[in-house]
N, C-alpha and C. Protein backbone atom coordinates (compact mmCIF):
# COMPACT_ATOMS: atom_id res chain seq x y z
N MET A 1 9.60 35.86 -14.97
CA MET A 1 10.14 34.57 -14.60
C MET A 1 11.55 34.78 -14.06
N SER A 2 11.80 34.26 -12.89
CA SER A 2 13.10 34.46 -12.25
C SER A 2 14.02 33.27 -12.51
N ASP A 3 15.28 33.44 -12.09
CA ASP A 3 16.24 32.35 -12.20
C ASP A 3 15.82 31.16 -11.35
N PHE A 4 15.15 31.45 -10.26
CA PHE A 4 14.68 30.40 -9.35
C PHE A 4 13.73 29.45 -10.06
N ASP A 5 12.85 29.98 -10.93
CA ASP A 5 11.90 29.16 -11.66
C ASP A 5 12.58 28.25 -12.66
N ASP A 6 13.73 28.66 -13.19
CA ASP A 6 14.47 27.82 -14.12
C ASP A 6 15.09 26.62 -13.42
N ILE A 7 15.55 26.81 -12.20
CA ILE A 7 16.22 25.75 -11.45
C ILE A 7 15.20 24.78 -10.87
N TYR A 8 14.11 25.31 -10.36
CA TYR A 8 13.08 24.49 -9.73
C TYR A 8 11.76 24.65 -10.48
N PRO A 9 11.56 23.90 -11.53
CA PRO A 9 10.32 24.04 -12.30
C PRO A 9 9.12 23.60 -11.47
N GLU A 10 7.95 24.15 -11.82
CA GLU A 10 6.72 23.83 -11.10
C GLU A 10 6.33 22.37 -11.31
N ASP A 11 6.54 21.87 -12.49
CA ASP A 11 6.19 20.48 -12.81
C ASP A 11 7.28 19.57 -12.25
N GLU A 12 6.93 18.72 -11.29
CA GLU A 12 7.92 17.88 -10.62
C GLU A 12 8.54 16.86 -11.55
N GLU A 13 7.86 16.47 -12.61
CA GLU A 13 8.39 15.47 -13.52
C GLU A 13 9.62 15.97 -14.27
N GLU A 14 9.83 17.28 -14.30
CA GLU A 14 10.97 17.83 -15.00
C GLU A 14 12.26 17.70 -14.19
N PHE A 15 12.15 17.35 -12.88
CA PHE A 15 13.35 17.16 -12.08
C PHE A 15 14.14 15.97 -12.60
N VAL A 16 15.44 16.11 -12.61
CA VAL A 16 16.29 15.01 -13.01
C VAL A 16 16.45 14.10 -11.79
N ARG A 17 16.32 12.79 -12.03
CA ARG A 17 16.45 11.84 -10.93
C ARG A 17 17.92 11.72 -10.52
N SER A 18 18.15 11.49 -9.26
CA SER A 18 19.52 11.38 -8.76
C SER A 18 20.12 10.03 -9.15
N LYS A 19 21.44 9.96 -9.13
CA LYS A 19 22.12 8.71 -9.45
C LYS A 19 21.73 7.62 -8.46
N THR A 20 21.59 7.99 -7.21
CA THR A 20 21.22 7.03 -6.18
C THR A 20 19.85 6.43 -6.46
N GLU A 21 18.92 7.29 -6.86
CA GLU A 21 17.58 6.82 -7.17
C GLU A 21 17.60 5.88 -8.38
N ILE A 22 18.35 6.22 -9.37
CA ILE A 22 18.46 5.38 -10.56
C ILE A 22 19.09 4.04 -10.21
N LYS A 23 20.17 4.06 -9.41
CA LYS A 23 20.84 2.82 -9.01
C LYS A 23 19.91 1.95 -8.17
N ARG A 24 19.14 2.56 -7.28
CA ARG A 24 18.20 1.82 -6.45
C ARG A 24 17.16 1.12 -7.32
N GLU A 25 16.65 1.83 -8.32
CA GLU A 25 15.67 1.25 -9.23
C GLU A 25 16.29 0.11 -10.04
N MET A 26 17.54 0.30 -10.48
CA MET A 26 18.24 -0.74 -11.23
C MET A 26 18.40 -2.00 -10.37
N ALA A 27 18.80 -1.83 -9.14
CA ALA A 27 19.00 -2.96 -8.22
C ALA A 27 17.67 -3.66 -7.95
N GLU A 28 16.61 -2.88 -7.79
CA GLU A 28 15.29 -3.45 -7.52
C GLU A 28 14.80 -4.28 -8.71
N LEU A 29 15.03 -3.78 -9.92
CA LEU A 29 14.61 -4.52 -11.11
C LEU A 29 15.44 -5.78 -11.31
N GLN A 30 16.73 -5.70 -11.00
CA GLN A 30 17.57 -6.89 -11.12
C GLN A 30 17.15 -7.94 -10.08
N GLU A 31 16.81 -7.48 -8.88
CA GLU A 31 16.34 -8.40 -7.84
C GLU A 31 15.02 -9.05 -8.24
N LEU A 32 14.13 -8.27 -8.84
CA LEU A 32 12.87 -8.81 -9.33
C LEU A 32 13.14 -9.85 -10.41
N GLY A 33 14.06 -9.56 -11.31
CA GLY A 33 14.43 -10.52 -12.35
C GLY A 33 14.97 -11.81 -11.76
N THR A 34 15.80 -11.69 -10.73
CA THR A 34 16.35 -12.87 -10.06
C THR A 34 15.24 -13.70 -9.43
N LYS A 35 14.29 -13.03 -8.79
CA LYS A 35 13.18 -13.75 -8.16
C LYS A 35 12.32 -14.45 -9.20
N ILE A 36 12.14 -13.82 -10.35
CA ILE A 36 11.36 -14.44 -11.42
C ILE A 36 12.08 -15.67 -11.94
N VAL A 37 13.40 -15.58 -12.11
CA VAL A 37 14.19 -16.72 -12.58
C VAL A 37 14.04 -17.91 -11.63
N GLU A 38 13.93 -17.64 -10.33
CA GLU A 38 13.86 -18.71 -9.33
C GLU A 38 12.47 -19.32 -9.21
N LEU A 39 11.47 -18.74 -9.87
CA LEU A 39 10.12 -19.31 -9.83
C LEU A 39 10.06 -20.59 -10.67
N SER A 40 9.04 -21.39 -10.42
CA SER A 40 8.84 -22.58 -11.24
C SER A 40 8.28 -22.15 -12.60
N GLU A 41 8.41 -23.04 -13.55
CA GLU A 41 7.95 -22.76 -14.92
C GLU A 41 6.44 -22.45 -14.93
N LYS A 42 5.70 -23.10 -14.05
CA LYS A 42 4.26 -22.89 -13.93
C LYS A 42 3.94 -21.42 -13.65
N TYR A 43 4.70 -20.81 -12.74
CA TYR A 43 4.45 -19.43 -12.37
C TYR A 43 5.05 -18.44 -13.37
N ILE A 44 6.18 -18.79 -13.96
CA ILE A 44 6.79 -17.90 -14.95
C ILE A 44 5.84 -17.69 -16.13
N SER A 45 5.11 -18.75 -16.48
CA SER A 45 4.18 -18.62 -17.61
C SER A 45 3.05 -17.63 -17.33
N ARG A 46 2.81 -17.31 -16.06
CA ARG A 46 1.76 -16.35 -15.70
C ARG A 46 2.24 -14.90 -15.77
N ILE A 47 3.53 -14.70 -15.95
CA ILE A 47 4.09 -13.34 -15.98
C ILE A 47 4.20 -12.91 -17.44
N PRO A 48 3.75 -11.70 -17.76
CA PRO A 48 3.77 -11.24 -19.15
C PRO A 48 5.18 -10.85 -19.62
N LEU A 49 6.00 -11.84 -19.91
CA LEU A 49 7.36 -11.60 -20.40
C LEU A 49 7.34 -11.66 -21.91
N GLU A 50 8.13 -10.80 -22.53
CA GLU A 50 8.12 -10.73 -23.99
C GLU A 50 9.53 -10.83 -24.55
N GLY A 51 9.63 -11.41 -25.70
CA GLY A 51 10.83 -11.41 -26.52
C GLY A 51 12.12 -11.77 -25.82
N GLN A 52 13.07 -10.85 -25.91
CA GLN A 52 14.42 -11.07 -25.41
C GLN A 52 14.45 -11.27 -23.89
N LEU A 53 13.56 -10.60 -23.17
CA LEU A 53 13.50 -10.74 -21.71
C LEU A 53 13.07 -12.16 -21.34
N ALA A 54 12.06 -12.68 -21.99
CA ALA A 54 11.59 -14.04 -21.71
C ALA A 54 12.69 -15.05 -22.03
N GLU A 55 13.36 -14.83 -23.14
CA GLU A 55 14.46 -15.71 -23.56
C GLU A 55 15.60 -15.68 -22.54
N ALA A 56 15.96 -14.50 -22.08
CA ALA A 56 17.05 -14.35 -21.12
C ALA A 56 16.71 -15.03 -19.79
N ILE A 57 15.46 -14.92 -19.37
CA ILE A 57 15.05 -15.56 -18.12
C ILE A 57 15.11 -17.08 -18.25
N HIS A 58 14.67 -17.61 -19.37
CA HIS A 58 14.73 -19.06 -19.57
C HIS A 58 16.18 -19.55 -19.67
N GLN A 59 17.06 -18.75 -20.26
CA GLN A 59 18.47 -19.13 -20.32
C GLN A 59 19.09 -19.13 -18.93
N ALA A 60 18.76 -18.14 -18.12
CA ALA A 60 19.33 -18.04 -16.77
C ALA A 60 18.91 -19.23 -15.90
N ARG A 61 17.73 -19.76 -16.14
CA ARG A 61 17.24 -20.90 -15.35
C ARG A 61 18.12 -22.12 -15.54
N GLY A 62 18.72 -22.26 -16.70
CA GLY A 62 19.54 -23.43 -16.99
C GLY A 62 21.02 -23.24 -16.67
N MET A 63 21.41 -22.05 -16.30
CA MET A 63 22.83 -21.78 -16.08
C MET A 63 23.29 -22.29 -14.71
N LYS A 64 24.42 -22.97 -14.71
CA LYS A 64 24.98 -23.49 -13.48
C LYS A 64 26.22 -22.70 -13.06
N HIS A 65 26.97 -22.21 -14.03
CA HIS A 65 28.21 -21.50 -13.74
C HIS A 65 27.89 -20.19 -13.02
N ARG A 66 28.52 -19.98 -11.88
CA ARG A 66 28.18 -18.86 -11.01
C ARG A 66 28.38 -17.50 -11.68
N GLU A 67 29.52 -17.28 -12.27
CA GLU A 67 29.82 -15.98 -12.87
C GLU A 67 28.93 -15.73 -14.10
N GLY A 68 28.73 -16.75 -14.90
CA GLY A 68 27.86 -16.61 -16.08
C GLY A 68 26.43 -16.29 -15.67
N ARG A 69 25.97 -16.95 -14.63
CA ARG A 69 24.61 -16.69 -14.13
C ARG A 69 24.50 -15.27 -13.59
N ARG A 70 25.51 -14.81 -12.86
CA ARG A 70 25.50 -13.45 -12.31
C ARG A 70 25.40 -12.43 -13.45
N ARG A 71 26.19 -12.64 -14.49
CA ARG A 71 26.16 -11.71 -15.63
C ARG A 71 24.81 -11.77 -16.36
N GLN A 72 24.25 -12.99 -16.45
CA GLN A 72 22.94 -13.13 -17.10
C GLN A 72 21.87 -12.40 -16.29
N LEU A 73 21.96 -12.47 -14.97
CA LEU A 73 20.98 -11.76 -14.12
C LEU A 73 21.13 -10.25 -14.27
N GLN A 74 22.35 -9.77 -14.43
CA GLN A 74 22.55 -8.35 -14.68
C GLN A 74 21.93 -7.96 -16.02
N PHE A 75 22.10 -8.82 -17.00
CA PHE A 75 21.51 -8.58 -18.32
C PHE A 75 19.99 -8.54 -18.23
N ILE A 76 19.42 -9.44 -17.42
CA ILE A 76 17.97 -9.45 -17.22
C ILE A 76 17.52 -8.13 -16.59
N GLY A 77 18.28 -7.64 -15.62
CA GLY A 77 17.98 -6.35 -15.01
C GLY A 77 17.97 -5.23 -16.04
N LYS A 78 18.94 -5.27 -16.93
CA LYS A 78 19.03 -4.25 -18.00
C LYS A 78 17.81 -4.34 -18.92
N LEU A 79 17.43 -5.57 -19.28
CA LEU A 79 16.26 -5.74 -20.15
C LEU A 79 14.98 -5.30 -19.44
N MET A 80 14.92 -5.53 -18.15
CA MET A 80 13.72 -5.13 -17.41
C MET A 80 13.61 -3.61 -17.34
N ARG A 81 14.74 -2.93 -17.27
CA ARG A 81 14.70 -1.45 -17.27
C ARG A 81 14.15 -0.93 -18.58
N LYS A 82 14.39 -1.67 -19.66
CA LYS A 82 13.91 -1.25 -20.98
C LYS A 82 12.48 -1.71 -21.26
N ALA A 83 11.98 -2.66 -20.48
CA ALA A 83 10.65 -3.23 -20.73
C ALA A 83 9.57 -2.17 -20.53
N GLU A 84 8.62 -2.16 -21.44
CA GLU A 84 7.53 -1.19 -21.37
C GLU A 84 6.42 -1.64 -20.42
N ASN A 85 6.32 -2.94 -20.19
CA ASN A 85 5.24 -3.46 -19.35
C ASN A 85 5.74 -3.87 -17.96
N ILE A 86 6.68 -3.12 -17.41
CA ILE A 86 7.27 -3.47 -16.12
C ILE A 86 6.23 -3.46 -15.00
N ASP A 87 5.25 -2.57 -15.07
CA ASP A 87 4.21 -2.54 -14.04
C ASP A 87 3.36 -3.82 -14.08
N ASP A 88 3.10 -4.32 -15.30
CA ASP A 88 2.35 -5.58 -15.44
C ASP A 88 3.17 -6.75 -14.89
N ILE A 89 4.47 -6.73 -15.13
CA ILE A 89 5.35 -7.78 -14.62
C ILE A 89 5.36 -7.76 -13.10
N ARG A 90 5.50 -6.58 -12.53
CA ARG A 90 5.49 -6.45 -11.06
C ARG A 90 4.17 -6.95 -10.47
N ALA A 91 3.06 -6.55 -11.09
CA ALA A 91 1.75 -6.94 -10.59
C ALA A 91 1.57 -8.46 -10.67
N ALA A 92 1.99 -9.07 -11.76
CA ALA A 92 1.87 -10.53 -11.91
C ALA A 92 2.74 -11.25 -10.88
N TYR A 93 3.95 -10.74 -10.65
CA TYR A 93 4.83 -11.35 -9.66
C TYR A 93 4.22 -11.23 -8.26
N GLN A 94 3.66 -10.07 -7.95
CA GLN A 94 3.05 -9.87 -6.62
C GLN A 94 1.86 -10.80 -6.43
N LYS A 95 1.10 -11.02 -7.50
CA LYS A 95 -0.04 -11.92 -7.42
C LYS A 95 0.44 -13.34 -7.10
N ILE A 96 1.55 -13.75 -7.70
CA ILE A 96 2.13 -15.07 -7.44
C ILE A 96 2.60 -15.18 -5.99
N VAL A 97 3.23 -14.13 -5.49
CA VAL A 97 3.69 -14.12 -4.09
C VAL A 97 2.48 -14.23 -3.16
N ASN A 98 1.40 -13.53 -3.47
CA ASN A 98 0.20 -13.58 -2.64
C ASN A 98 -0.42 -14.97 -2.64
N ILE A 99 -0.36 -15.67 -3.78
CA ILE A 99 -0.87 -17.04 -3.86
C ILE A 99 -0.09 -17.92 -2.87
N GLY A 100 1.21 -17.77 -2.86
CA GLY A 100 2.05 -18.56 -1.95
C GLY A 100 1.74 -18.26 -0.50
N GLN A 101 1.55 -17.00 -0.18
CA GLN A 101 1.24 -16.62 1.20
C GLN A 101 -0.12 -17.16 1.63
N GLU A 102 -1.08 -17.12 0.73
CA GLU A 102 -2.43 -17.63 1.03
C GLU A 102 -2.37 -19.15 1.24
N HIS A 103 -1.60 -19.83 0.41
CA HIS A 103 -1.44 -21.28 0.54
C HIS A 103 -0.84 -21.63 1.90
N THR A 104 0.19 -20.91 2.31
CA THR A 104 0.84 -21.13 3.60
C THR A 104 -0.14 -20.89 4.74
N LYS A 105 -0.92 -19.85 4.63
CA LYS A 105 -1.91 -19.52 5.66
C LYS A 105 -2.93 -20.65 5.80
N ILE A 106 -3.40 -21.19 4.69
CA ILE A 106 -4.36 -22.30 4.72
C ILE A 106 -3.72 -23.54 5.33
N GLN A 107 -2.47 -23.82 4.97
CA GLN A 107 -1.77 -24.98 5.53
C GLN A 107 -1.70 -24.88 7.06
N HIS A 108 -1.33 -23.70 7.56
CA HIS A 108 -1.24 -23.51 9.01
C HIS A 108 -2.60 -23.67 9.68
N GLN A 109 -3.61 -23.13 9.05
CA GLN A 109 -4.96 -23.23 9.61
C GLN A 109 -5.40 -24.70 9.67
N CYS A 110 -5.10 -25.47 8.62
CA CYS A 110 -5.45 -26.90 8.60
C CYS A 110 -4.71 -27.67 9.69
N GLU A 111 -3.42 -27.37 9.84
CA GLU A 111 -2.63 -28.04 10.89
C GLU A 111 -3.20 -27.74 12.27
N GLN A 112 -3.57 -26.50 12.50
CA GLN A 112 -4.11 -26.12 13.81
C GLN A 112 -5.43 -26.84 14.09
N TRP A 113 -6.31 -26.88 13.09
CA TRP A 113 -7.58 -27.58 13.27
C TRP A 113 -7.37 -29.07 13.50
N ARG A 114 -6.48 -29.68 12.72
CA ARG A 114 -6.22 -31.11 12.88
C ARG A 114 -5.74 -31.42 14.30
N ASP A 115 -4.76 -30.64 14.76
CA ASP A 115 -4.21 -30.87 16.10
C ASP A 115 -5.27 -30.64 17.18
N LYS A 116 -6.06 -29.59 17.00
CA LYS A 116 -7.11 -29.28 17.98
C LYS A 116 -8.17 -30.39 18.01
N LEU A 117 -8.56 -30.87 16.82
CA LEU A 117 -9.56 -31.93 16.76
C LEU A 117 -9.04 -33.23 17.39
N MET A 118 -7.77 -33.52 17.18
CA MET A 118 -7.20 -34.74 17.75
C MET A 118 -6.99 -34.62 19.26
N ASP A 119 -6.70 -33.43 19.75
CA ASP A 119 -6.39 -33.25 21.17
C ASP A 119 -7.63 -32.95 22.02
N ASP A 120 -8.53 -32.10 21.52
CA ASP A 120 -9.63 -31.60 22.34
C ASP A 120 -10.94 -32.37 22.18
N GLY A 121 -11.05 -33.19 21.16
CA GLY A 121 -12.24 -34.02 21.01
C GLY A 121 -13.49 -33.26 20.63
N ASN A 122 -14.61 -33.55 21.37
CA ASN A 122 -15.93 -33.04 20.99
C ASN A 122 -16.07 -31.52 21.04
N SER A 123 -15.42 -30.87 21.99
CA SER A 123 -15.54 -29.40 22.06
C SER A 123 -14.93 -28.75 20.80
N ALA A 124 -13.80 -29.26 20.36
CA ALA A 124 -13.17 -28.74 19.14
C ALA A 124 -14.00 -29.11 17.91
N LEU A 125 -14.57 -30.32 17.94
CA LEU A 125 -15.39 -30.77 16.82
C LEU A 125 -16.60 -29.86 16.64
N GLN A 126 -17.24 -29.49 17.75
CA GLN A 126 -18.40 -28.60 17.66
C GLN A 126 -18.00 -27.24 17.09
N GLY A 127 -16.86 -26.71 17.51
CA GLY A 127 -16.37 -25.44 16.97
C GLY A 127 -16.07 -25.55 15.49
N PHE A 128 -15.51 -26.67 15.07
CA PHE A 128 -15.20 -26.87 13.65
C PHE A 128 -16.48 -26.95 12.83
N ILE A 129 -17.47 -27.67 13.35
CA ILE A 129 -18.74 -27.80 12.62
C ILE A 129 -19.44 -26.46 12.52
N ASN A 130 -19.33 -25.64 13.56
CA ASN A 130 -19.92 -24.29 13.51
C ASN A 130 -19.25 -23.44 12.43
N ASP A 131 -17.93 -23.58 12.30
CA ASP A 131 -17.20 -22.80 11.29
C ASP A 131 -17.38 -23.36 9.88
N PHE A 132 -17.54 -24.69 9.79
CA PHE A 132 -17.65 -25.34 8.48
C PHE A 132 -18.86 -26.28 8.48
N PRO A 133 -20.05 -25.72 8.30
CA PRO A 133 -21.27 -26.53 8.39
C PRO A 133 -21.40 -27.59 7.28
N ALA A 134 -20.63 -27.47 6.22
CA ALA A 134 -20.71 -28.44 5.12
C ALA A 134 -19.99 -29.75 5.46
N ALA A 135 -19.35 -29.81 6.60
CA ALA A 135 -18.58 -31.00 6.98
C ALA A 135 -19.50 -32.19 7.23
N ASN A 136 -19.06 -33.35 6.80
CA ASN A 136 -19.74 -34.61 7.07
C ASN A 136 -19.28 -35.06 8.46
N VAL A 137 -20.13 -34.87 9.46
CA VAL A 137 -19.77 -35.06 10.87
C VAL A 137 -19.36 -36.51 11.14
N GLN A 138 -20.11 -37.44 10.58
CA GLN A 138 -19.79 -38.86 10.81
C GLN A 138 -18.41 -39.21 10.26
N HIS A 139 -18.14 -38.77 9.06
CA HIS A 139 -16.83 -39.03 8.43
C HIS A 139 -15.71 -38.35 9.23
N LEU A 140 -15.97 -37.14 9.67
CA LEU A 140 -14.99 -36.39 10.45
C LEU A 140 -14.68 -37.09 11.78
N ARG A 141 -15.73 -37.54 12.46
CA ARG A 141 -15.52 -38.28 13.73
C ARG A 141 -14.68 -39.54 13.50
N GLN A 142 -14.97 -40.24 12.41
CA GLN A 142 -14.23 -41.47 12.11
C GLN A 142 -12.75 -41.17 11.85
N LEU A 143 -12.48 -40.10 11.08
CA LEU A 143 -11.10 -39.72 10.81
C LEU A 143 -10.37 -39.35 12.10
N ILE A 144 -11.04 -38.60 12.96
CA ILE A 144 -10.44 -38.19 14.24
C ILE A 144 -10.13 -39.42 15.09
N ARG A 145 -11.11 -40.31 15.20
CA ARG A 145 -10.94 -41.52 16.00
C ARG A 145 -9.76 -42.36 15.49
N ASN A 146 -9.68 -42.54 14.17
CA ASN A 146 -8.60 -43.33 13.58
C ASN A 146 -7.24 -42.66 13.82
N ALA A 147 -7.19 -41.34 13.68
CA ALA A 147 -5.94 -40.61 13.88
C ALA A 147 -5.48 -40.70 15.33
N GLN A 148 -6.44 -40.60 16.27
CA GLN A 148 -6.09 -40.72 17.69
C GLN A 148 -5.60 -42.12 18.01
N LYS A 149 -6.23 -43.11 17.42
CA LYS A 149 -5.83 -44.51 17.64
C LYS A 149 -4.42 -44.75 17.12
N GLU A 150 -4.14 -44.25 15.92
CA GLU A 150 -2.79 -44.39 15.35
C GLU A 150 -1.75 -43.74 16.24
N ARG A 151 -2.08 -42.55 16.73
CA ARG A 151 -1.14 -41.82 17.58
C ARG A 151 -0.86 -42.59 18.88
N SER A 152 -1.90 -43.13 19.48
CA SER A 152 -1.72 -43.87 20.73
C SER A 152 -0.93 -45.16 20.52
N GLN A 153 -1.06 -45.75 19.33
CA GLN A 153 -0.32 -46.98 19.02
C GLN A 153 1.04 -46.69 18.37
N GLN A 154 1.36 -45.41 18.24
CA GLN A 154 2.61 -44.94 17.64
C GLN A 154 2.84 -45.53 16.23
N LYS A 155 1.76 -45.52 15.46
CA LYS A 155 1.82 -45.97 14.06
C LYS A 155 2.04 -44.75 13.16
N PRO A 156 2.42 -44.98 11.92
CA PRO A 156 2.54 -43.85 10.98
C PRO A 156 1.21 -43.11 10.86
N PRO A 157 1.26 -41.79 10.72
CA PRO A 157 0.03 -40.97 10.78
C PRO A 157 -0.76 -40.89 9.48
N SER A 158 -1.11 -42.03 8.90
CA SER A 158 -1.86 -41.97 7.64
C SER A 158 -3.27 -41.41 7.85
N SER A 159 -3.92 -41.76 8.95
CA SER A 159 -5.26 -41.20 9.21
C SER A 159 -5.19 -39.72 9.53
N ALA A 160 -4.11 -39.30 10.20
CA ALA A 160 -3.94 -37.87 10.47
C ALA A 160 -3.78 -37.11 9.16
N ARG A 161 -3.10 -37.71 8.19
CA ARG A 161 -2.96 -37.08 6.87
C ARG A 161 -4.31 -37.00 6.16
N LYS A 162 -5.09 -38.06 6.27
CA LYS A 162 -6.43 -38.06 5.67
C LYS A 162 -7.30 -36.98 6.32
N LEU A 163 -7.20 -36.87 7.64
CA LEU A 163 -7.94 -35.84 8.37
C LEU A 163 -7.51 -34.45 7.89
N PHE A 164 -6.20 -34.24 7.77
CA PHE A 164 -5.66 -32.96 7.29
C PHE A 164 -6.20 -32.66 5.89
N LYS A 165 -6.19 -33.65 5.02
CA LYS A 165 -6.66 -33.46 3.64
C LYS A 165 -8.14 -33.09 3.61
N TYR A 166 -8.94 -33.76 4.45
CA TYR A 166 -10.38 -33.46 4.50
C TYR A 166 -10.61 -32.04 5.03
N ILE A 167 -9.87 -31.67 6.05
CA ILE A 167 -9.99 -30.31 6.60
C ILE A 167 -9.62 -29.28 5.54
N ARG A 168 -8.54 -29.53 4.80
CA ARG A 168 -8.12 -28.60 3.76
C ARG A 168 -9.19 -28.45 2.68
N GLU A 169 -9.80 -29.56 2.29
CA GLU A 169 -10.87 -29.50 1.29
C GLU A 169 -12.03 -28.62 1.78
N LEU A 170 -12.37 -28.76 3.05
CA LEU A 170 -13.47 -27.95 3.61
C LEU A 170 -13.09 -26.47 3.69
N ILE A 171 -11.86 -26.19 4.08
CA ILE A 171 -11.43 -24.79 4.21
C ILE A 171 -11.35 -24.13 2.84
N GLU A 172 -10.85 -24.85 1.85
CA GLU A 172 -10.70 -24.27 0.51
C GLU A 172 -12.04 -24.11 -0.19
N ALA A 173 -13.04 -24.89 0.22
CA ALA A 173 -14.36 -24.83 -0.44
C ALA A 173 -15.14 -23.63 -0.01
């Protein structure tokens, strides 16, 4: 065994991590903690937080003082570094982010279909029915007609909202 083997062991896990790497991980965990604090209570309950970490996150949510909140977020970062289930926390947070992205995608898709149905008429309607065969065609035609009428009379878009809601129900189903 040479001196070279002592400095560079074969097992990579024996390497000491650099200060930069440690600081980067600390900053990433503190940022994750900050993002969790900013979530609604509904989503926080889906994240597997335990003991002092859960308590610190709930305390930070109520803090208004800027410096106190900053220090609390640093404390949350410290607790997250000590947490044994950090991978579970990350996975739960990512799942929540994905839910939000999926919701946004569906909203955009509904808006596009609503606008297309109101603007293009029967050709768009046929395309929509092909994509969503469960649609009640008569009800859909009525919603489109009412929304177009409201738009031409420059009334509030209550029928357009109803059309949007019906489209969303079909897309989510």
